[in-house]
Protein backbone atom coordinates (compact mmCIF):
# COMPACT_ATOMS: atom_id res chain seq x y z
CA MET A 1 5.06 19.58 -20.24
CA PRO A 2 4.93 21.26 -16.82
CA ALA A 3 3.16 19.46 -14.01
CA LYS A 4 -0.41 20.42 -13.32
CA ARG A 5 -1.57 22.21 -10.20
CA GLY A 6 -2.49 20.17 -7.16
CA ALA A 7 -0.57 16.96 -7.71
CA ARG A 8 2.49 15.93 -5.76
CA VAL A 9 5.24 13.36 -5.84
CA PHE A 10 6.25 11.76 -2.60
CA GLY A 11 9.95 11.68 -3.25
CA ARG A 12 12.35 12.07 -0.41
CA GLY A 13 10.45 14.43 1.78
CA ALA A 14 6.76 14.84 1.11
CA VAL A 15 4.49 12.35 2.68
CA GLY A 16 2.05 12.04 5.58
CA ASN A 17 0.04 9.50 7.56
CA MET A 18 -2.40 6.84 6.50
CA LYS A 19 -4.37 3.68 7.27
CA CYS A 20 -6.38 1.39 5.06
CA PRO A 21 -9.08 -1.27 4.98
CA HIS A 22 -8.39 -4.85 4.10
CA PRO A 23 -10.12 -7.37 1.82
CA ALA A 24 -12.40 -9.72 3.67
CA ASN A 25 -15.20 -12.22 3.33
CA ASP A 26 -14.23 -12.89 -0.25
CA ARG A 27 -13.60 -16.38 -1.60
CA ARG A 28 -11.27 -16.61 -4.55
CA ARG A 29 -8.90 -19.32 -5.67
CA GLY A 30 -9.53 -21.27 -2.48
CA ASN A 31 -9.08 -18.35 -0.08
CA ALA A 32 -11.10 -18.43 3.12
CA LYS A 33 -12.90 -15.65 4.91
CA ARG A 34 -10.87 -13.20 6.90
CA PRO A 35 -11.43 -10.10 9.02
CA HIS A 36 -11.45 -6.55 7.71
CA PRO A 37 -8.91 -4.08 9.11
CA ALA A 38 -11.51 -1.33 9.15
CA ASN A 39 -13.16 -3.19 12.02
CA GLY A 40 -9.93 -3.04 13.97
CA ARG A 41 -9.42 0.71 13.95
CA ARG A 42 -11.39 3.71 14.95
CA ARG A 43 -10.90 7.39 14.65
CA GLY A 44 -7.99 8.82 16.46
CA LYS A 45 -5.65 11.75 16.41
CA MET A 46 -3.57 11.88 13.28
CA LYS A 47 -1.50 14.64 11.83
CA ARG A 48 -3.16 16.25 8.82
CA PRO A 49 -1.10 15.95 5.62
CA HIS A 50 0.25 19.22 4.32
CA PRO A 51 -1.05 20.77 1.07
CA ALA A 52 0.64 19.81 -2.17
CA ASN A 53 2.78 22.96 -2.36
CA ASP A 54 3.22 23.53 1.34
CA ARG A 55 6.57 23.72 3.09
CA ARG A 56 7.03 22.25 6.51
CA LYS A 57 9.63 21.00 8.97
CA THR A 58 10.55 17.36 9.05
CA ALA A 59 11.16 15.44 12.25
CA LYS A 60 14.86 16.29 11.84
CA GLY A 61 14.07 19.98 11.50
CA SER A 62 14.98 20.37 7.85
CA THR A 63 12.61 22.20 5.54
CA MET A 64 11.16 20.31 2.63
CA SER A 65 8.64 21.05 -0.08
CA ALA A 66 6.24 18.72 -1.82
CA ARG A 67 7.30 18.09 -5.38
CA ARG A 68 4.74 18.15 -8.13
CA ALA A 69 3.78 14.90 -9.78
CA LYS A 70 3.93 14.40 -13.53
CA PRO A 71 0.52 13.16 -14.66
CA THR A 72 1.74 13.21 -18.24
CA ALA A 73 3.53 9.93 -17.45
CA THR A 74 0.26 8.17 -18.19
CA HIS A 75 0.37 9.57 -21.72
CA ASP A 76 3.75 8.04 -22.54
CA LEU A 77 2.60 4.43 -22.56
CA PRO A 78 1.76 2.62 -25.80
CA LEU A 79 -1.97 2.50 -25.14
CA PRO A 80 -4.68 2.07 -27.72
CA VAL A 81 -6.78 4.47 -25.62
CA ARG A 82 -5.54 7.17 -23.26
CA PRO A 83 -6.21 6.55 -19.51
CA ALA A 84 -9.31 8.45 -18.41
CA PHE A 85 -9.61 8.02 -14.63
CA ARG A 86 -11.75 10.74 -12.96
CA ARG A 87 -11.94 12.19 -9.49
CA SER A 88 -15.66 11.37 -9.43
CA PHE A 89 -14.85 7.64 -9.44
CA LEU A 90 -13.77 7.96 -5.79
CA ASP A 91 -17.02 7.99 -3.81
CA PHE A 92 -16.59 8.18 -0.04
CA GLU A 93 -20.15 6.97 0.50
CA ARG A 94 -19.99 3.90 -1.75
CA GLY A 95 -16.36 3.14 -2.61
CA ILE A 96 -14.10 3.11 -5.67
CA ARG A 97 -16.23 2.88 -8.76
CA MET A 98 -15.47 -0.05 -11.04
CA GLY A 99 -18.77 -1.03 -12.67
CA GLY A 100 -20.02 0.59 -15.85
CA LEU A 101 -16.58 1.86 -16.86
CA ALA A 102 -14.40 1.27 -19.88
CA PRO A 103 -11.04 -0.46 -19.22
CA ASN A 104 -9.13 2.79 -19.67
CA GLU A 105 -11.30 4.39 -16.95
CA ARG A 106 -10.70 1.73 -14.31
CA ILE A 107 -7.98 2.46 -11.77
CA THR A 108 -7.22 -1.28 -11.64
CA GLN A 109 -6.13 -1.45 -15.27
CA ILE A 110 -4.45 1.97 -15.31
CA ILE A 111 -2.29 1.25 -12.26
CA LYS A 112 -1.48 -2.27 -13.46
CA MET A 113 -0.36 -0.94 -16.82
CA LEU A 114 1.84 1.71 -15.20
CA LEU A 115 3.36 -0.79 -12.77
CA LYS A 116 4.13 -3.22 -15.61
CA ASP A 117 5.81 -0.44 -17.55
CA ARG A 118 7.81 0.72 -14.52
CA HIS A 119 8.95 -2.67 -13.23
CA ALA A 120 8.85 -4.88 -16.35
CA GLN A 121 6.77 -7.36 -14.36
CA ASP A 122 3.24 -8.69 -14.57
CA PHE A 123 0.92 -7.87 -11.67
CA VAL A 124 -2.09 -9.66 -10.22
CA ILE A 125 -5.11 -7.57 -9.22
CA ASP A 126 -7.13 -8.45 -6.14
CA LYS A 127 -9.93 -6.62 -4.35
CA TRP A 128 -12.41 -6.48 -1.51
CA GLY A 129 -15.89 -5.51 -2.62
CA ARG A 130 -18.43 -6.54 -5.17
CA GLY A 131 -20.65 -5.03 -7.78
CA ARG A 132 -20.24 -1.46 -8.98
CA TYR A 133 -18.05 -0.20 -6.12
CA TRP A 134 -14.98 -1.76 -4.50
CA GLN A 135 -13.56 -0.83 -1.11
CA TRP A 136 -9.96 -2.04 -1.36
CA ILE A 137 -7.77 -2.90 -4.36
CA CYS A 138 -4.27 -4.35 -4.53
CA TRP A 139 -1.59 -5.20 -7.08
CA LEU A 140 1.02 -7.88 -6.37
CA PRO A 141 3.94 -9.04 -8.55
CA ARG A 142 3.07 -12.33 -10.21
CA ALA A 143 6.72 -13.45 -10.16
CA ASN A 144 6.80 -13.24 -6.37
CA ARG A 145 3.62 -15.29 -5.98
CA ASP A 146 4.74 -17.89 -8.52
CA ALA A 147 8.07 -18.29 -6.68
CA LYS A 148 6.35 -19.68 -3.58
CA PRO A 149 6.63 -23.48 -3.48
CA ARG A 150 3.54 -24.06 -1.31
CA SER A 151 1.45 -20.88 -1.52
CA SER A 152 1.59 -19.85 -5.16
CA GLY A 153 -2.21 -20.14 -5.32
CA TYR A 154 -2.84 -17.56 -2.59
CA ASN A 155 -2.60 -13.80 -2.93
CA PHE A 156 -2.71 -13.65 0.87
CA SER A 157 0.85 -14.95 1.01
CA CYS A 158 2.32 -11.98 -0.87
CA ALA A 159 3.35 -8.42 -0.16
CA LYS A 160 1.25 -6.02 -2.22
CA PHE A 161 0.58 -2.42 -3.21
CA PHE A 162 -2.92 -1.22 -2.30
CA VAL A 163 -5.36 1.67 -2.46
CA ALA A 164 -8.51 2.14 -0.38
CA LEU A 165 -10.97 4.78 0.77
CA ASP A 166 -11.26 5.50 4.48
CA ARG A 167 -14.82 6.71 4.96
CA ASP A 168 -14.29 7.92 8.52
CA ARG A 169 -11.23 10.01 7.80
CA ARG A 170 -12.37 10.90 4.27
CA GLU A 171 -9.09 10.10 2.59
CA LEU A 172 -7.63 7.98 -0.17
CA GLN A 173 -4.97 5.64 1.18
CA ALA A 174 -2.10 3.98 -0.68
CA GLY A 175 0.87 1.92 0.38
CA LEU A 176 2.23 -1.54 1.19
CA GLN A 177 0.43 -4.38 2.97
CA ILE A 178 1.54 -7.79 4.28
CA GLU A 179 -0.90 -10.25 5.84
CA ARG A 180 -0.66 -13.02 8.40
CA ALA A 181 -3.32 -15.72 8.41
CA THR A 182 -4.33 -17.84 11.38
CA VAL A 183 -1.68 -20.23 12.66
CA HIS A 184 -2.57 -23.92 12.40
CA ARG A 185 -1.27 -25.88 15.39
CA GLY A 186 -2.93 -29.26 14.95
CA ARG A 187 -1.66 -32.26 13.00
CA GLY A 188 -4.72 -32.64 10.79
CA PRO A 189 -5.42 -30.59 7.66
CA ALA A 190 -6.55 -27.01 8.19
CA ARG A 191 -10.13 -26.14 7.29
CA GLU A 192 -9.19 -22.72 5.94
CA VAL A 193 -6.21 -20.71 4.75
CA THR A 194 -3.46 -20.72 7.37
CA LEU A 195 0.01 -19.25 7.60
CA ARG A 196 2.67 -21.23 5.75
CA ASP A 197 6.45 -21.08 5.85
CA ASP A 198 6.79 -19.47 2.40
CA TRP A 199 4.66 -16.39 3.16
CA ASP A 200 6.28 -12.94 2.94
CA TYR A 201 5.20 -12.39 6.53
CA HIS A 202 8.12 -14.55 7.70
CA ARG A 203 10.65 -12.44 5.80
CA LEU A 204 9.10 -9.35 7.32
CA MET A 205 9.53 -10.76 10.84
CA ALA A 206 13.09 -11.91 10.17
CA ASN A 207 14.08 -8.42 8.98
CA LEU A 208 12.48 -6.48 11.82
CA ARG A 209 15.84 -6.14 13.57
CA SER A 210 18.08 -3.15 14.13
CA GLY A 211 20.58 -2.54 11.38
CA THR A 212 18.78 -4.38 8.57
CA PRO A 213 18.01 -2.63 5.27
CA LEU A 214 14.29 -3.03 6.00
CA ALA A 215 14.66 -1.37 9.41
CA ARG A 216 16.41 1.59 7.78
CA GLU A 217 13.67 1.88 5.16
CA LEU A 218 10.88 1.80 7.73
CA ARG A 219 12.59 4.45 9.81
CA ARG A 220 13.02 6.66 6.74
CA LEU A 221 9.34 6.31 5.84
CA ALA A 222 7.97 6.75 9.37
CA VAL A 223 10.33 9.47 10.62
CA ASP A 224 11.55 11.40 7.59
CA GLU A 225 8.72 10.95 5.09
CA GLY A 226 5.70 10.96 7.38
CA PHE A 227 4.32 7.51 6.57
CA THR A 228 2.55 5.46 9.23
CA VAL A 229 3.56 1.91 10.06
CA TYR A 230 0.48 0.05 11.31
CA VAL A 231 0.03 -3.34 12.95
CA GLY A 232 -3.26 -4.77 14.17
CA ASN A 233 -6.44 -6.73 13.73
CA THR A 234 -8.94 -5.47 16.36
CA PRO A 235 -9.49 -2.22 18.30
CA ALA A 236 -7.88 -3.83 21.34
CA ARG A 237 -4.82 -5.00 19.43
CA ARG A 238 -3.39 -2.32 17.21
CA ALA A 239 -0.28 -0.17 17.10
CA THR A 240 0.85 2.75 14.96
CA PHE A 241 4.37 4.05 14.54
CA ARG A 242 5.17 7.39 12.91
CA GLY A 243 7.26 10.49 13.45
CA ARG A 244 8.44 10.80 17.03
CA GLY A 245 6.36 7.73 17.81
CA TRP A 246 8.73 5.50 15.87
CA ARG A 247 10.17 3.06 18.42
CA GLY A 248 12.29 0.91 16.17
CA PRO A 249 11.80 -2.41 14.36
CA ALA A 250 11.72 -4.46 17.58
CA ALA A 251 8.55 -2.64 18.70
CA VAL A 252 6.89 -3.42 15.36
CA ARG A 253 7.88 -7.06 15.69
CA ARG A 254 6.44 -7.28 19.22
CA ALA A 255 3.16 -5.81 17.98
CA LEU A 256 2.95 -8.45 15.25
CA GLU A 257 3.79 -11.23 17.69
CA ALA A 258 0.91 -10.05 19.91
CA VAL A 259 -1.68 -10.92 17.24
CA PRO A 260 -3.40 -14.14 18.45
CA ASP A 261 -2.73 -17.32 16.48
CA ASP A 262 -6.44 -17.87 15.90
CA ASP A 263 -6.95 -14.53 14.16
CA TRP A 264 -5.74 -12.67 11.07
CA GLY A 265 -3.32 -9.78 11.37
CA TRP A 266 -1.70 -7.34 9.00
CA PHE A 267 1.22 -4.98 8.61
CA GLN A 268 0.85 -1.79 6.59
CA VAL A 269 2.96 1.20 5.55
CA TYR A 270 0.60 3.83 4.20
CA TYR A 271 -0.01 7.43 3.19
CA PRO A 272 -3.31 9.36 2.88
CA THR A 273 -4.57 11.98 0.49
CA PRO A 274 -7.51 13.82 2.13
CA GLU A 275 -10.79 14.40 0.32
CA LYS A 276 -10.33 18.16 0.08
CA GLU A 277 -7.01 17.72 -1.64
CA LEU A 278 -8.48 15.12 -4.01
CA ASP A 279 -11.12 17.66 -5.00
CA ARG A 280 -8.36 19.92 -6.34
CA MET A 281 -6.77 17.16 -8.41
CA THR A 282 -7.45 15.69 -11.84
CA GLY A 283 -7.69 11.96 -12.44
CA ASP A 284 -4.18 11.93 -13.91
CA GLU A 285 -2.84 13.68 -10.82
CA ILE A 286 -4.50 11.17 -8.50
CA VAL A 287 -2.97 8.28 -10.45
CA ALA A 288 0.46 9.96 -10.38
CA THR A 289 0.16 10.45 -6.62
CA VAL A 290 -0.64 6.78 -6.04
CA LEU A 291 2.30 5.69 -8.21
CA ALA A 292 4.62 8.04 -6.33
CA VAL A 293 3.59 6.49 -3.01
CA PHE A 294 4.22 3.03 -4.44
CA ASP A 295 7.70 4.18 -5.49
CA GLU A 296 8.44 5.16 -1.88
CA VAL A 297 7.51 1.76 -0.42
CA THR A 298 9.09 -0.33 -3.21
CA PRO A 299 12.49 -0.75 -1.47
CA ALA A 300 10.79 -2.06 1.69
CA MET A 301 8.65 -4.38 -0.42
CA ASN A 302 11.70 -5.87 -2.11
CA HIS A 303 13.21 -6.68 1.28
CA VAL A 304 10.32 -8.99 2.24
CA MET A 305 9.45 -10.78 -1.01
CA THR A 306 10.47 -14.30 -2.00
CA GLU A 307 11.36 -12.87 -5.42
CA PRO A 308 12.52 -9.23 -5.03
CA CYS A 309 11.67 -8.32 -8.61
CA LEU A 310 10.75 -4.62 -8.43
CA ARG A 311 12.84 -1.76 -9.76
CA THR A 312 13.68 1.05 -7.37
CA ARG A 313 13.94 4.71 -8.22
CA SER A 314 17.14 6.69 -7.86
CA PRO A 315 16.99 10.20 -6.29
CA ARG A 316 16.93 11.59 -9.83
CA GLY A 317 13.80 9.62 -10.62
CA ARG A 318 15.34 7.10 -13.01
CA ASN A 319 14.71 3.40 -12.90
CA GLY A 320 17.35 1.48 -11.02
CA GLU A 321 18.32 -2.07 -11.73
CA THR A 322 16.21 -4.87 -10.39
CA PRO A 323 17.67 -5.95 -7.02
């Protein structure tokens, strides 16, 4: 079945810039309060993503076209009920609608089901928000969390896929996020969640060196594919790297090291879909777009996890073997 109008796949050569909020002030499974990334960023100049069927020049000067997504992928799963996500469930005034919906209408369950089918792994869902509308949602591989000897009870310790709505920029954001909690320096027990030695953050820092597979992936995403690499926690301490502004993995590492020990920080690789483009898409196309973004950041995610359990996609779109 041919792809429907308006959707796009972010394969090698069709992605733009993005930022995202961050779960905060939620207590679950012993997790303490933490700051929200939305409070650490304000509006700024950002290149507008190109339309789904547009052709443009990459940073290297080569022409590329956005490939159409295949929303029919959601139909191929052995579901008792077909996924029925709708564009109207994304409300830029209130958030991502979750309340009052059937399971097959909730983006949480639809994405989890598709990720499980794609990677043959179970995923844990987490969120920031309460009630009928949520502001930020993530999916993290359960195998990676369970592999942590000290932090298997904390989602904070894990790399994760996420989606969020940016109300200021009016765009849906999707990508990869890694968090760093406060650093406990005293000898006594910490009163809240603090950074431990088995968090994925440490693998991220260790791989932010020239010549590593992670460094090559980040350069590909930021320079060739148009993603934004973001580091920060407050308006005064934030850094973005994309396109010609990519300054290498060492610059990203320095930005992370600049986050104070007594505060939370986060690392993100993200891509936005603007509101006007969403308005031209069906629910299936939106889901396919999010999954395509997740495919793009999967190699980088594998490089920082305790248990690199995700399948990568070959250039032909087939599942590769688990690293």
